[in-house]
Amino acid sequence: MYSKCGQLDYSVKLFDKMSQRNLVSWTAMVTGFSQNLHYFEAISTFCEMRIAGENPTQFAFSSVIKACASAGLVEFGEQIHCLALKFGFGSDIFVVSNLVDMYSKCGVMVNAHNVFQEMECKDEVLWTALIDGYAKNGPFEDALSAYKNMVKEGIGIDKFVLCSTLSACAALKALNFGKCLHSVMVKKGFELEISVGNALTDMYSKVGDMESASNVFGIDSDCRNIVSCSSLIDGYVEMDRMEDALSVYVRLRRQGIEPNEFTFSSLIKACSSQAALEQGTQLHAEVIKFNFDSNPFVSSVLVDMYGKCGLLDDSIRVFDEIENATEFAWNSMLSVFAQHGLGKDAIQLFNRMKNEGVEPNAITFVSLLRGCSHSGLVEDGLSFFKAMEKTFGVMPREEHYSCVIDLLGRAGQLKEAEDFINKMPFEPNAFGWCSFLGACKIHGDKERGKLAAEKLMQLEPENSGAPVLLSKIYAKEQQWEDVRTLRKMMQDFNVKKLPGYSWVDVGNKTHIFGVEDWSHPQMKAIYDKLDALSGQIKAAGYVPSTDSIPLDVDVSVKEKILQHHSERLAIAFALISIPSGKPIIVKKNLRVCSDCHSAIKYISKLIGRKIIVRDNSRFHHFSNGLCSCGDFW
């Protein structure tokens, strides 16, 4: 009675005072500990019961197996399994159901399946335990197959098995199967159950059907909770619909629903991907308000968000405030250093990480190799690559090999990069060939560039990057006939060049600019500012690099095109719109060209302001005529 009422202290005191204990009192004590989440006490009491000479019943076995499942003690659970077989409970429905649940929760699905198969008469609890195991651990297809077999056997379907199967549908993005389950839920009258609404919202969100997810979410406001809200927010974030995600957050706050760490993690991740600093800082304030600033996952995404928004110092500050940094936080900080081209800082942080006893993983080495690549630290990068498997037991994957190709290529070691490619255990992926092609373009290696372009076009025929980069190599050599041939090939195969865009946030609005863009309402003021800047930096020593324009036109025309590149328009607009005390942060969807890089250095010195540019591979911090990349990018 005391155990079932949650008064475990009274239970223990009574039990300890008993001069004689029998099987019933021992079983009650084991069950009491297990039900009240004292799993290790349940297990030790079961062992004491065996020492006292009592033979456990199916109820004692069920309780101790539950404790093993919750504590994750699969090896001890296997011993209990053997003991249950020894006492003849191998076909008891309660014991078997708990064994399947225990193996499922511990991720040992082979054992769960074997125990399930050995049972002749299977009830809905046993089926649900197996399906839930597959839904959580995979293979997810087996969860759907098990559900179909359960229906064929005529076993009763409840909301629990439906929710577990929906989870497997979400993992497989099996929308049609999920819709079938939705119809079953409606027929059985489960649709207004909170757990069912959560599962449906989660499934539709994860498969990308946000209209259906929103419809389920809006059926009954009383059925909404933080789980369904977080699922909907995460779905919008994955679809890059940040405004909708923020709108859901505003609605849940108005309804008095308190956010959790998953809500904040999803929203801040959205701010990271879109470099939305204004919204990110507001969410950081909310994180502090709800005391999630010490949560390891939330702190990690904050580190990433500030890093991707260009505020390196804020990113470091948030990381330094984390008391017990997890591998996620370490990897986030390493990734930030890599994005900002700070290879030496990344190496120092990696050494700190090792000293703290945190094991590096595959993501760690991607960041390390990228950091070394952007800093020209070839020997350090190669040393880390060799140490991955030998020292840390991390098998190099495609992305690591691609990073090494990039590392060698950026440093101008094209022959070494080619030799590395030839010795790889598999063909490089698109990123690897693209990195090699970019390096060939920078260092003017036409033959290797042609090889890389051909390989890249085979992998991604629709990717315009390969012919565009190759045409720039030909243009540098003034091989205009080859440039025209490439352009004709792009037209014939309907390959369109990805247009370059730059954008800058002013207030709560994002202003987007293209090359020679006249669409902005303040365009006259922008061009006037740009013309004035161009004259001033030329007087200071800037010389346009017209070789980067793959067109057979007059030099003055090329200079005009360079002057009106999207990043320069964005900077000119920022200069007339952002107060002098604030840094200028410009984002660009392509690699910043060498001429613009040179021009922005002169502009930063001329105006005496810090300019941060994020292109598609890294950050550039321009200040007083210098760039953080040291002209190596």
Foldseek 3Di string as FASTA:
>chain_A
DCLVVVNLVVLVVVLVPDPDDAQVSLLVNLQSCLVNLVLVSSQVSVVVCVVVVHQHDLSSLLSNLSSCQVVLVVVVNVVSQVSCVVVPNLQPQSNLLSSLLSCLSNLNLVSSVVSLVVHDDHAPSSLLSNLLSCLVRDPLVVSVVSVVVCVVVVHDDDLSSLLSNLSSCLVVLVVVVNVVSVVVCVVVVNLLALSNLLSNLLSCLSNLVLVSSVVSCPPDVVSDAQSSLLSSLLSCLVVLNLVVSVVSVVVCVVVVHQHDLSSLLSNLLSCLVVLVVVVNVVSVVVCVVVVNLQPQSNLLSNLSSCLSNPNNVVSVVSLVPHDLHAQSNLLSNLQSLLQALNLVVSVVSVVVCVVSVHADEQSSLLSNLSSCQLQLVLVVNVVSVVCQCVPRNYDHDLSSLLSNLLSCLLNVNLVVSVVSQVPDPDHHALSSLLSSLLSCLVVLPLVSNVVSLVVNCVRPVLAPSSLLSNLLSCLLVPVLVVNVVSVVVCVVVVRDDDFKKKWFDFDNDIDIFGQVDPPDPCNVQLVVLLVVLVVVLVVVPQDADLSRDSDPDDPVVSVSRVSRHNVSSNVSVCVVRPDQVDETEMEMAADDDPRVVQSVLSVQLVVQGWYWYRYNRHIWIHHNSATPSRSRD
